[in-house]
Amino acid sequence: MSNQKAATYTKDQFLLSIKFAKHKDLINALLNKDEKYTTSQVEKLINDFLKKVVK
């Protein structure tokens, strides 16, 4: 087993990321400027938002 923690990044780093370029608007709306997130956390936030039912 590994004791390594997943790397965390700021909102600004995700906004500059090529991987998340098509979701910049969502990242800007969903993430807090003062927090750090793992890639999997951001992917889950984006996927959960995109799966919401429109009312």
C-alpha atoms as a PDB file:
ATOM      1  CA  MET A   1       0.000   0.000   0.000  1.00  0.00           C
ATOM      2  CA  SER A   2       1.078   3.528  -0.730  1.00  0.00           C
ATOM      3  CA  ASN A   3       0.932   6.391   1.742  1.00  0.00           C
ATOM      4  CA  GLN A   4       1.136   9.039  -0.975  1.00  0.00           C
ATOM      5  CA  LYS A   5      -1.578  11.676  -1.098  1.00  0.00           C
ATOM      6  CA  ALA A   6      -3.058  12.723  -4.416  1.00  0.00           C
ATOM      7  CA  ALA A   7      -1.698  15.981  -5.803  1.00  0.00           C
ATOM      8  CA  THR A   8      -3.921  18.992  -5.242  1.00  0.00           C
ATOM      9  CA  TYR A   9      -4.309  22.074  -7.387  1.00  0.00           C
ATOM     10  CA  THR A  10      -5.887  25.501  -7.114  1.00  0.00           C
ATOM     11  CA  LYS A  11      -8.843  26.806  -9.087  1.00  0.00           C
ATOM     12  CA  ASP A  12      -6.475  28.929 -11.197  1.00  0.00           C
ATOM     13  CA  GLN A  13      -4.337  25.901 -12.051  1.00  0.00           C
ATOM     14  CA  PHE A  14      -7.406  24.001 -13.262  1.00  0.00           C
ATOM     15  CA  LEU A  15      -8.481  27.024 -15.315  1.00  0.00           C
ATOM     16  CA  LEU A  16      -5.085  26.971 -17.066  1.00  0.00           C
ATOM     17  CA  SER A  17      -5.177  23.203 -17.607  1.00  0.00           C
ATOM     18  CA  ILE A  18      -5.458  21.870 -21.157  1.00  0.00           C
ATOM     19  CA  LYS A  19      -7.299  18.783 -19.874  1.00  0.00           C
ATOM     20  CA  PHE A  20     -10.127  20.891 -18.443  1.00  0.00           C
ATOM     21  CA  ALA A  21     -10.156  23.615 -21.124  1.00  0.00           C
ATOM     22  CA  LYS A  22     -13.658  22.779 -22.346  1.00  0.00           C
ATOM     23  CA  HIS A  23     -15.047  23.065 -18.797  1.00  0.00           C
ATOM     24  CA  LYS A  24     -13.545  26.434 -17.815  1.00  0.00           C
ATOM     25  CA  ASP A  25     -16.968  27.983 -17.189  1.00  0.00           C
ATOM     26  CA  LEU A  26     -17.980  25.128 -14.883  1.00  0.00           C
ATOM     27  CA  ILE A  27     -14.672  25.193 -13.036  1.00  0.00           C
ATOM     28  CA  ASN A  28     -15.012  28.929 -12.544  1.00  0.00           C
ATOM     29  CA  ALA A  29     -18.519  28.474 -11.126  1.00  0.00           C
ATOM     30  CA  LEU A  30     -18.021  25.303  -9.063  1.00  0.00           C
ATOM     31  CA  LEU A  31     -14.606  25.732  -7.430  1.00  0.00           C
ATOM     32  CA  ASN A  32     -13.684  28.055  -4.586  1.00  0.00           C
ATOM     33  CA  LYS A  33     -10.654  30.265  -5.144  1.00  0.00           C
ATOM     34  CA  ASP A  34      -9.123  29.556  -1.732  1.00  0.00           C
ATOM     35  CA  GLU A  35      -9.374  25.747  -1.812  1.00  0.00           C
ATOM     36  CA  LYS A  36      -7.271  23.038  -3.418  1.00  0.00           C
ATOM     37  CA  TYR A  37      -8.739  20.054  -5.263  1.00  0.00           C
ATOM     38  CA  THR A  38      -7.545  16.749  -6.665  1.00  0.00           C
ATOM     39  CA  THR A  39      -8.162  15.972 -10.319  1.00  0.00           C
ATOM     40  CA  SER A  40     -10.666  13.270  -9.354  1.00  0.00           C
ATOM     41  CA  GLN A  41     -12.605  15.711  -7.141  1.00  0.00           C
ATOM     42  CA  VAL A  42     -12.935  18.194  -9.996  1.00  0.00           C
ATOM     43  CA  GLU A  43     -13.919  15.468 -12.459  1.00  0.00           C
ATOM     44  CA  LYS A  44     -16.644  14.320 -10.040  1.00  0.00           C
ATOM     45  CA  LEU A  45     -17.934  17.871  -9.513  1.00  0.00           C
ATOM     46  CA  ILE A  46     -18.134  18.421 -13.275  1.00  0.00           C
ATOM     47  CA  ASN A  47     -19.774  15.048 -13.961  1.00  0.00           C
ATOM     48  CA  ASP A  48     -22.317  15.491 -11.164  1.00  0.00           C
ATOM     49  CA  PHE A  49     -23.209  18.945 -12.468  1.00  0.00           C
ATOM     50  CA  LEU A  50     -23.605  17.692 -16.056  1.00  0.00           C
ATOM     51  CA  LYS A  51     -25.854  14.821 -14.940  1.00  0.00           C
ATOM     52  CA  LYS A  52     -28.316  17.074 -13.093  1.00  0.00           C
ATOM     53  CA  VAL A  53     -31.860  17.008 -14.397  1.00  0.00           C
ATOM     54  CA  VAL A  54     -33.001  20.262 -15.943  1.00  0.00           C
ATOM     55  CA  LYS A  55     -36.168  21.593 -14.338  1.00  0.00           C
END
